[in-house]
Amino acid sequence: MRALLRLVRRSIALKLTLTLVGFVAVSVLAAGLYLNRALEAFAVESLDTRLAALAAVLDGDARAALVAGGPAAQTFANRVARPTGSRVTLIAPDGRVVGESDKDLAELSQLENHADRPEVRDALAGYRGRDLRRSATVAAPLLYMAAWPRRSSTWPHRYATATGSSGCCASPCRYPR
């Protein structure tokens, strides 16, 4: 009789222990998923804010480089990209790339048209565009932010920075100029 009583008690203790371990595992998994998404969203917002500040500070220089075009646009893109750690692209209203910090001036004509890129479409529509995706040019996940130069009818300029993420996702948002 005592053996039967011990077996029942052990069985109840085992069931309670397994239930508790299962509950803790599910809770940790749910918290991990939530925190991963929350931290990724925070990182993207921080990078977006950094790129928007960069665009605002460089607005006048970007406008002058866009108007000058050619070597001046390429020189601007290269000059800005190095100290800021960002990729810089100057884009004509028809989507042609006129300056790109990761390419040489001679290679710009070989780049695909950027008019259909989500962040460029938003910039051409008068908004600050943003998109998080894998770059076709440098084969890395980047956060792109495109802005239309203020007080100007010239062309959009685009900045991008590495996200450190291995995934790609679109994050559409529209900010007034």
C-alpha atoms as a PDB file:
ATOM      1  CA  MET A   1       0.000   0.000   0.000  1.00  0.00           C
ATOM      2  CA  ARG A   2       2.833   2.405   0.886  1.00  0.00           C
ATOM      3  CA  ALA A   3       4.560   1.628  -2.422  1.00  0.00           C
ATOM      4  CA  LEU A   4       1.395   2.531  -4.312  1.00  0.00           C
ATOM      5  CA  LEU A   5       1.087   5.778  -2.335  1.00  0.00           C
ATOM      6  CA  ARG A   6       4.729   6.733  -3.142  1.00  0.00           C
ATOM      7  CA  LEU A   7       4.212   6.008  -6.841  1.00  0.00           C
ATOM      8  CA  VAL A   8       1.117   8.238  -6.976  1.00  0.00           C
ATOM      9  CA  ARG A   9       2.924  11.051  -5.137  1.00  0.00           C
ATOM     10  CA  ARG A  10       5.961  10.798  -7.417  1.00  0.00           C
ATOM     11  CA  SER A  11       3.715  10.760 -10.449  1.00  0.00           C
ATOM     12  CA  ILE A  12       1.942  13.930  -9.304  1.00  0.00           C
ATOM     13  CA  ALA A  13       5.271  15.623  -8.548  1.00  0.00           C
ATOM     14  CA  LEU A  14       6.595  14.579 -11.955  1.00  0.00           C
ATOM     15  CA  LYS A  15       3.486  15.895 -13.701  1.00  0.00           C
ATOM     16  CA  LEU A  16       3.688  19.204 -11.833  1.00  0.00           C
ATOM     17  CA  THR A  17       7.404  19.515 -12.588  1.00  0.00           C
ATOM     18  CA  LEU A  18       6.914  18.816 -16.302  1.00  0.00           C
ATOM     19  CA  THR A  19       3.998  21.256 -16.429  1.00  0.00           C
ATOM     20  CA  LEU A  20       6.105  23.957 -14.805  1.00  0.00           C
ATOM     21  CA  VAL A  21       9.074  23.312 -17.114  1.00  0.00           C
ATOM     22  CA  GLY A  22       6.758  23.421 -20.145  1.00  0.00           C
ATOM     23  CA  PHE A  23       5.171  26.676 -19.009  1.00  0.00           C
ATOM     24  CA  VAL A  24       8.589  28.278 -18.447  1.00  0.00           C
ATOM     25  CA  ALA A  25       9.811  27.111 -21.880  1.00  0.00           C
ATOM     26  CA  VAL A  26       6.761  28.540 -23.664  1.00  0.00           C
ATOM     27  CA  SER A  27       7.064  31.814 -21.712  1.00  0.00           C
ATOM     28  CA  VAL A  28      10.759  32.183 -22.559  1.00  0.00           C
ATOM     29  CA  LEU A  29      10.091  31.455 -26.230  1.00  0.00           C
ATOM     30  CA  ALA A  30       7.266  34.021 -26.405  1.00  0.00           C
ATOM     31  CA  ALA A  31       9.347  36.655 -24.610  1.00  0.00           C
ATOM     32  CA  GLY A  32      12.299  35.978 -26.917  1.00  0.00           C
ATOM     33  CA  LEU A  33      10.207  36.402 -30.039  1.00  0.00           C
ATOM     34  CA  TYR A  34       8.632  39.601 -28.732  1.00  0.00           C
ATOM     35  CA  LEU A  35      11.964  41.084 -27.639  1.00  0.00           C
ATOM     36  CA  ASN A  36      13.612  40.181 -30.939  1.00  0.00           C
ATOM     37  CA  ARG A  37      10.942  42.043 -32.907  1.00  0.00           C
ATOM     38  CA  ALA A  38      10.849  44.978 -30.497  1.00  0.00           C
ATOM     39  CA  LEU A  39      14.629  45.397 -30.544  1.00  0.00           C
ATOM     40  CA  GLU A  40      14.762  45.098 -34.332  1.00  0.00           C
ATOM     41  CA  ALA A  41      12.050  47.766 -34.677  1.00  0.00           C
ATOM     42  CA  PHE A  42      13.951  50.020 -32.263  1.00  0.00           C
ATOM     43  CA  ALA A  43      17.192  49.529 -34.213  1.00  0.00           C
ATOM     44  CA  VAL A  44      15.483  50.321 -37.528  1.00  0.00           C
ATOM     45  CA  GLU A  45      13.908  53.475 -36.077  1.00  0.00           C
ATOM     46  CA  SER A  46      17.282  54.570 -34.685  1.00  0.00           C
ATOM     47  CA  LEU A  47      19.008  54.007 -38.027  1.00  0.00           C
ATOM     48  CA  ASP A  48      16.195  55.799 -39.856  1.00  0.00           C
ATOM     49  CA  THR A  49      16.531  58.789 -37.536  1.00  0.00           C
ATOM     50  CA  ARG A  50      20.293  58.825 -38.102  1.00  0.00           C
ATOM     51  CA  LEU A  51      19.869  58.743 -41.886  1.00  0.00           C
ATOM     52  CA  ALA A  52      17.197  61.466 -41.795  1.00  0.00           C
ATOM     53  CA  ALA A  53      19.498  63.695 -39.724  1.00  0.00           C
ATOM     54  CA  LEU A  54      22.297  63.039 -42.195  1.00  0.00           C
ATOM     55  CA  ALA A  55      20.009  64.003 -45.092  1.00  0.00           C
ATOM     56  CA  ALA A  56      18.924  67.207 -43.326  1.00  0.00           C
ATOM     57  CA  VAL A  57      22.503  68.271 -42.551  1.00  0.00           C
ATOM     58  CA  LEU A  58      23.697  67.542 -46.091  1.00  0.00           C
ATOM     59  CA  ASP A  59      20.648  69.009 -47.832  1.00  0.00           C
ATOM     60  CA  GLY A  60      22.397  72.042 -49.325  1.00  0.00           C
ATOM     61  CA  ASP A  61      25.459  70.108 -50.477  1.00  0.00           C
ATOM     62  CA  ALA A  62      23.281  67.347 -51.941  1.00  0.00           C
ATOM     63  CA  ARG A  63      21.216  69.899 -53.827  1.00  0.00           C
ATOM     64  CA  ALA A  64      24.339  71.530 -55.292  1.00  0.00           C
ATOM     65  CA  ALA A  65      25.792  68.144 -56.283  1.00  0.00           C
ATOM     66  CA  LEU A  66      22.526  67.085 -57.918  1.00  0.00           C
ATOM     67  CA  VAL A  67      22.321  70.300 -59.943  1.00  0.00           C
ATOM     68  CA  ALA A  68      25.977  70.036 -61.013  1.00  0.00           C
ATOM     69  CA  GLY A  69      25.648  66.316 -61.850  1.00  0.00           C
ATOM     70  CA  GLY A  70      28.407  64.166 -63.350  1.00  0.00           C
ATOM     71  CA  PRO A  71      31.688  64.091 -61.445  1.00  0.00           C
ATOM     72  CA  ALA A  72      30.382  66.548 -58.814  1.00  0.00           C
ATOM     73  CA  ALA A  73      27.556  64.170 -57.849  1.00  0.00           C
ATOM     74  CA  GLN A  74      29.957  61.228 -57.672  1.00  0.00           C
ATOM     75  CA  THR A  75      32.464  63.232 -55.617  1.00  0.00           C
ATOM     76  CA  PHE A  76      29.715  64.249 -53.176  1.00  0.00           C
ATOM     77  CA  ALA A  77      28.555  60.633 -52.765  1.00  0.00           C
ATOM     78  CA  ASN A  78      32.095  59.406 -52.082  1.00  0.00           C
ATOM     79  CA  ARG A  79      32.980  62.331 -49.795  1.00  0.00           C
ATOM     80  CA  VAL A  80      29.893  61.849 -47.612  1.00  0.00           C
ATOM     81  CA  ALA A  81      29.932  58.034 -47.498  1.00  0.00           C
ATOM     82  CA  ARG A  82      33.378  57.599 -45.955  1.00  0.00           C
ATOM     83  CA  PRO A  83      33.037  59.577 -42.693  1.00  0.00           C
ATOM     84  CA  THR A  84      29.370  58.717 -42.117  1.00  0.00           C
ATOM     85  CA  GLY A  85      29.651  54.995 -42.782  1.00  0.00           C
ATOM     86  CA  SER A  86      26.626  55.226 -45.068  1.00  0.00           C
ATOM     87  CA  ARG A  87      26.005  54.388 -48.661  1.00  0.00           C
ATOM     88  CA  VAL A  88      25.002  57.496 -50.634  1.00  0.00           C
ATOM     89  CA  THR A  89      23.086  57.522 -53.932  1.00  0.00           C
ATOM     90  CA  LEU A  90      22.011  60.551 -55.963  1.00  0.00           C
ATOM     91  CA  ILE A  91      19.129  59.768 -58.319  1.00  0.00           C
ATOM     92  CA  ALA A  92      17.670  61.681 -61.278  1.00  0.00           C
ATOM     93  CA  PRO A  93      13.866  62.120 -61.445  1.00  0.00           C
ATOM     94  CA  ASP A  94      13.703  59.431 -64.152  1.00  0.00           C
ATOM     95  CA  GLY A  95      15.429  56.944 -61.816  1.00  0.00           C
ATOM     96  CA  ARG A  96      18.944  57.095 -63.276  1.00  0.00           C
ATOM     97  CA  VAL A  97      21.719  56.954 -60.701  1.00  0.00           C
ATOM     98  CA  VAL A  98      23.948  60.033 -61.103  1.00  0.00           C
ATOM     99  CA  GLY A  99      26.125  59.437 -58.020  1.00  0.00           C
ATOM    100  CA  GLU A 100      26.786  56.255 -56.008  1.00  0.00           C
ATOM    101  CA  SER A 101      29.332  55.852 -53.250  1.00  0.00           C
ATOM    102  CA  ASP A 102      29.848  52.107 -53.867  1.00  0.00           C
ATOM    103  CA  LYS A 103      30.516  52.442 -57.609  1.00  0.00           C
ATOM    104  CA  ASP A 104      32.862  54.365 -59.873  1.00  0.00           C
ATOM    105  CA  LEU A 105      31.571  57.110 -62.168  1.00  0.00           C
ATOM    106  CA  ALA A 106      32.109  54.856 -65.220  1.00  0.00           C
ATOM    107  CA  GLU A 107      29.953  52.101 -63.660  1.00  0.00           C
ATOM    108  CA  LEU A 108      26.892  54.308 -63.009  1.00  0.00           C
ATOM    109  CA  SER A 109      25.438  53.778 -66.487  1.00  0.00           C
ATOM    110  CA  GLN A 110      25.367  50.013 -65.826  1.00  0.00           C
ATOM    111  CA  LEU A 111      23.229  50.334 -62.679  1.00  0.00           C
ATOM    112  CA  GLU A 112      19.547  49.522 -63.011  1.00  0.00           C
ATOM    113  CA  ASN A 113      16.974  52.278 -62.886  1.00  0.00           C
ATOM    114  CA  HIS A 114      15.973  53.136 -59.300  1.00  0.00           C
ATOM    115  CA  ALA A 115      12.585  54.748 -60.030  1.00  0.00           C
ATOM    116  CA  ASP A 116      10.680  51.654 -58.883  1.00  0.00           C
ATOM    117  CA  ARG A 117      12.480  51.327 -55.538  1.00  0.00           C
ATOM    118  CA  PRO A 118       9.950  51.915 -52.724  1.00  0.00           C
ATOM    119  CA  GLU A 119      11.962  54.617 -50.949  1.00  0.00           C
ATOM    120  CA  VAL A 120      12.643  56.458 -54.228  1.00  0.00           C
ATOM    121  CA  ARG A 121       8.968  56.325 -55.240  1.00  0.00           C
ATOM    122  CA  ASP A 122       8.050  57.919 -51.907  1.00  0.00           C
ATOM    123  CA  ALA A 123      10.748  60.592 -52.294  1.00  0.00           C
ATOM    124  CA  LEU A 124       9.566  61.403 -55.818  1.00  0.00           C
ATOM    125  CA  ALA A 125       6.016  61.701 -54.419  1.00  0.00           C
ATOM    126  CA  GLY A 126       7.260  64.284 -51.909  1.00  0.00           C
ATOM    127  CA  TYR A 127       7.737  62.077 -48.843  1.00  0.00           C
ATOM    128  CA  ARG A 128      10.735  60.754 -46.984  1.00  0.00           C
ATOM    129  CA  GLY A 129      10.826  57.113 -48.058  1.00  0.00           C
ATOM    130  CA  ARG A 130      12.217  54.147 -46.150  1.00  0.00           C
ATOM    131  CA  ASP A 131      12.740  50.489 -47.007  1.00  0.00           C
ATOM    132  CA  LEU A 132      14.606  47.641 -45.339  1.00  0.00           C
ATOM    133  CA  ARG A 133      15.813  45.033 -47.841  1.00  0.00           C
ATOM    134  CA  ARG A 134      18.804  43.192 -49.261  1.00  0.00           C
ATOM    135  CA  SER A 135      20.839  45.393 -51.590  1.00  0.00           C
ATOM    136  CA  ALA A 136      21.220  44.154 -55.160  1.00  0.00           C
ATOM    137  CA  THR A 137      24.363  46.285 -55.554  1.00  0.00           C
ATOM    138  CA  VAL A 138      26.338  45.282 -52.449  1.00  0.00           C
ATOM    139  CA  ALA A 139      24.486  42.020 -51.540  1.00  0.00           C
ATOM    140  CA  ALA A 140      23.866  42.960 -47.898  1.00  0.00           C
ATOM    141  CA  PRO A 141      20.780  43.891 -45.868  1.00  0.00           C
ATOM    142  CA  LEU A 142      20.482  47.674 -45.776  1.00  0.00           C
ATOM    143  CA  LEU A 143      18.042  50.251 -44.475  1.00  0.00           C
ATOM    144  CA  TYR A 144      17.399  52.793 -47.233  1.00  0.00           C
ATOM    145  CA  MET A 145      16.107  56.307 -46.636  1.00  0.00           C
ATOM    146  CA  ALA A 146      15.408  58.619 -49.571  1.00  0.00           C
ATOM    147  CA  ALA A 147      14.681  62.330 -49.264  1.00  0.00           C
ATOM    148  CA  TRP A 148      13.797  65.088 -51.664  1.00  0.00           C
ATOM    149  CA  PRO A 149      16.058  68.110 -51.121  1.00  0.00           C
ATOM    150  CA  ARG A 150      14.129  70.824 -49.281  1.00  0.00           C
ATOM    151  CA  ARG A 151      13.472  74.219 -50.832  1.00  0.00           C
ATOM    152  CA  SER A 152      14.290  72.741 -54.204  1.00  0.00           C
ATOM    153  CA  SER A 153      12.843  71.150 -57.279  1.00  0.00           C
ATOM    154  CA  THR A 154      15.931  69.062 -57.929  1.00  0.00           C
ATOM    155  CA  TRP A 155      16.301  65.313 -57.475  1.00  0.00           C
ATOM    156  CA  PRO A 156      16.117  62.948 -54.527  1.00  0.00           C
ATOM    157  CA  HIS A 157      19.122  61.757 -52.603  1.00  0.00           C
ATOM    158  CA  ARG A 158      19.250  58.388 -50.868  1.00  0.00           C
ATOM    159  CA  TYR A 159      21.251  57.168 -47.895  1.00  0.00           C
ATOM    160  CA  ALA A 160      21.605  53.587 -46.702  1.00  0.00           C
ATOM    161  CA  THR A 161      23.265  51.893 -43.775  1.00  0.00           C
ATOM    162  CA  ALA A 162      23.893  48.290 -42.801  1.00  0.00           C
ATOM    163  CA  THR A 163      21.331  46.820 -40.444  1.00  0.00           C
ATOM    164  CA  GLY A 164      23.281  43.877 -39.092  1.00  0.00           C
ATOM    165  CA  SER A 165      20.204  41.765 -39.772  1.00  0.00           C
ATOM    166  CA  SER A 166      20.196  38.686 -41.937  1.00  0.00           C
ATOM    167  CA  GLY A 167      16.555  39.042 -42.914  1.00  0.00           C
ATOM    168  CA  CYS A 168      14.899  41.316 -45.382  1.00  0.00           C
ATOM    169  CA  CYS A 169      11.564  42.953 -44.968  1.00  0.00           C
ATOM    170  CA  ALA A 170       9.738  45.959 -46.307  1.00  0.00           C
ATOM    171  CA  SER A 171       8.736  48.613 -43.840  1.00  0.00           C
ATOM    172  CA  PRO A 172       6.715  51.206 -45.718  1.00  0.00           C
ATOM    173  CA  CYS A 173       6.245  54.560 -44.066  1.00  0.00           C
ATOM    174  CA  ARG A 174       5.477  57.968 -45.415  1.00  0.00           C
ATOM    175  CA  TYR A 175       6.782  61.091 -43.756  1.00  0.00           C
ATOM    176  CA  PRO A 176       5.921  64.573 -45.019  1.00  0.00           C
ATOM    177  CA  ARG A 177       8.901  66.523 -46.325  1.00  0.00           C
END
